[in-house]
Protein backbone atom coordinates (compact mmCIF):
# COMPACT_ATOMS: atom_id res chain seq x y z
CA UNK A 1 25.63 30.97 -156.52
CA UNK A 2 23.16 31.85 -159.01
CA UNK A 3 23.80 33.10 -162.65
CA UNK A 4 21.96 36.40 -163.87
CA UNK A 5 19.46 36.27 -166.95
CA UNK A 6 22.00 38.27 -168.73
CA UNK A 7 24.69 35.70 -168.20
CA UNK A 8 22.43 32.90 -168.85
CA UNK A 9 21.42 34.48 -172.31
CA UNK A 10 24.99 34.59 -173.78
CA UNK A 11 25.48 32.16 -176.35
CA UNK A 12 28.69 30.96 -178.21
CA UNK A 13 29.65 32.82 -181.46
CA UNK A 14 28.25 30.82 -184.37
CA UNK A 15 30.92 29.95 -187.07
CA UNK A 16 27.91 30.08 -189.57
CA UNK A 17 27.87 34.06 -188.91
CA UNK A 18 31.32 34.25 -190.50
CA UNK A 19 29.95 32.36 -193.53
CA UNK A 20 26.96 34.58 -193.87
CA UNK A 21 29.21 38.03 -193.63
CA UNK A 22 31.48 36.35 -196.50
CA UNK A 23 28.38 35.76 -198.93
CA UNK A 24 27.11 38.98 -198.08
CA UNK A 25 30.38 40.97 -198.82
CA UNK A 26 30.71 38.88 -201.92
CA UNK A 27 27.33 40.21 -203.15
CA UNK A 28 28.87 43.65 -202.43
CA UNK A 29 26.80 44.34 -199.33
CA UNK A 30 28.49 46.41 -196.35
CA UNK A 31 29.19 44.09 -193.45
CA UNK A 32 30.35 44.41 -189.95
CA UNK A 33 30.78 40.91 -188.54
CA UNK A 34 31.03 40.07 -185.13
CA UNK A 35 31.52 36.44 -185.70
CA UNK A 36 34.48 34.53 -184.91
CA UNK A 37 37.82 36.32 -185.70
CA UNK A 38 41.50 35.90 -185.49
CA UNK A 39 44.05 38.58 -186.17
CA UNK A 40 45.54 38.35 -189.87
CA UNK A 41 49.12 39.05 -188.93
CA UNK A 42 51.60 37.22 -186.60
CA UNK A 43 52.21 39.10 -183.39
CA UNK A 44 55.22 41.41 -183.85
CA UNK A 45 58.44 40.00 -182.10
CA UNK A 46 58.85 43.46 -180.51
CA UNK A 47 55.59 43.10 -178.83
CA UNK A 48 56.54 39.43 -177.58
CA UNK A 49 59.89 40.48 -176.41
CA UNK A 50 58.53 43.34 -174.30
CA UNK A 51 55.70 41.19 -172.92
CA UNK A 52 58.29 38.71 -172.12
CA UNK A 53 60.34 41.23 -170.07
CA UNK A 54 57.49 42.56 -168.34
CA UNK A 55 56.39 38.99 -167.21
CA UNK A 56 59.95 38.15 -166.25
CA UNK A 57 60.20 41.57 -164.21
CA UNK A 58 56.78 40.53 -162.38
CA UNK A 59 55.35 43.54 -163.78
CA UNK A 60 52.06 42.11 -164.39
CA UNK A 61 49.06 44.27 -163.09
CA UNK A 62 45.46 44.98 -164.20
CA UNK A 63 45.20 48.09 -166.60
CA UNK A 64 42.24 50.49 -167.40
CA UNK A 65 39.64 48.81 -169.33
CA UNK A 66 39.87 51.15 -172.15
CA UNK A 67 43.82 50.78 -172.36
CA UNK A 68 46.97 52.42 -170.84
CA UNK A 69 48.02 55.73 -171.70
CA UNK A 70 51.03 54.90 -173.20
CA UNK A 71 49.42 52.26 -175.45
CA UNK A 72 46.83 55.20 -176.51
CA UNK A 73 49.81 57.39 -177.36
CA UNK A 74 51.33 54.61 -179.67
CA UNK A 75 47.84 54.12 -181.20
CA UNK A 76 47.45 57.94 -181.87
CA UNK A 77 50.98 58.00 -183.39
CA UNK A 78 50.17 54.88 -185.42
CA UNK A 79 46.79 56.50 -186.63
CA UNK A 80 48.43 59.65 -187.54
CA UNK A 81 51.32 58.19 -189.32
CA UNK A 82 49.33 55.55 -191.53
CA UNK A 83 45.93 57.06 -191.83
CA UNK A 84 46.73 60.88 -191.71
CA UNK A 85 43.79 61.24 -188.84
CA UNK A 86 44.12 62.84 -185.48
CA UNK A 87 42.46 60.74 -182.67
CA UNK A 88 41.70 62.03 -179.15
CA UNK A 89 42.83 59.37 -176.42
CA UNK A 90 39.11 59.41 -175.18
CA UNK A 91 38.12 58.02 -178.69
CA UNK A 92 40.51 54.92 -178.07
CA UNK A 93 39.51 51.82 -176.52
CA UNK A 94 41.81 49.02 -176.41
CA UNK A 95 40.36 45.41 -175.83
CA UNK A 96 40.69 41.73 -176.43
CA UNK A 97 38.05 42.17 -179.60
CA UNK A 98 35.20 43.99 -181.10
CA UNK A 99 32.49 42.49 -179.04
CA UNK A 100 34.44 43.54 -175.64
CA UNK A 101 34.84 47.09 -176.94
CA UNK A 102 31.17 47.31 -177.94
CA UNK A 103 30.14 45.81 -174.36
CA UNK A 104 32.26 48.41 -172.88
CA UNK A 105 30.89 51.35 -174.72
CA UNK A 106 27.50 50.36 -174.06
CA UNK A 107 27.99 49.49 -170.23
CA UNK A 108 30.08 52.42 -169.59
CA UNK A 109 28.31 55.21 -167.32
CA UNK A 110 29.39 58.01 -169.51
CA UNK A 111 27.94 56.52 -172.76
CA UNK A 112 24.45 56.97 -171.47
CA UNK A 113 24.64 60.61 -172.14
């Protein structure tokens, strides 16, 4: 099996990027860091229990790349309650991280238009 040129060009995230972003922020520069990141908060116990219930029932399936409709509804509710903003479901992407979301946006056929 051969690996595509695109796959060969992917490099590991550099921890130095986080340090550079930190230094720029300290100088007051606006920064969107795509370096190594971890959630700041612990996983809510309700999410852990709900996941465990799904797993114990064997209810494990692939979902849409941008998130399930029920999760999008929950995100819409949260955004309205905490940020007083109304967001349409088509403007929500659920992913494992920012890099995956950006890749999905760039590679999605509808994003070209």
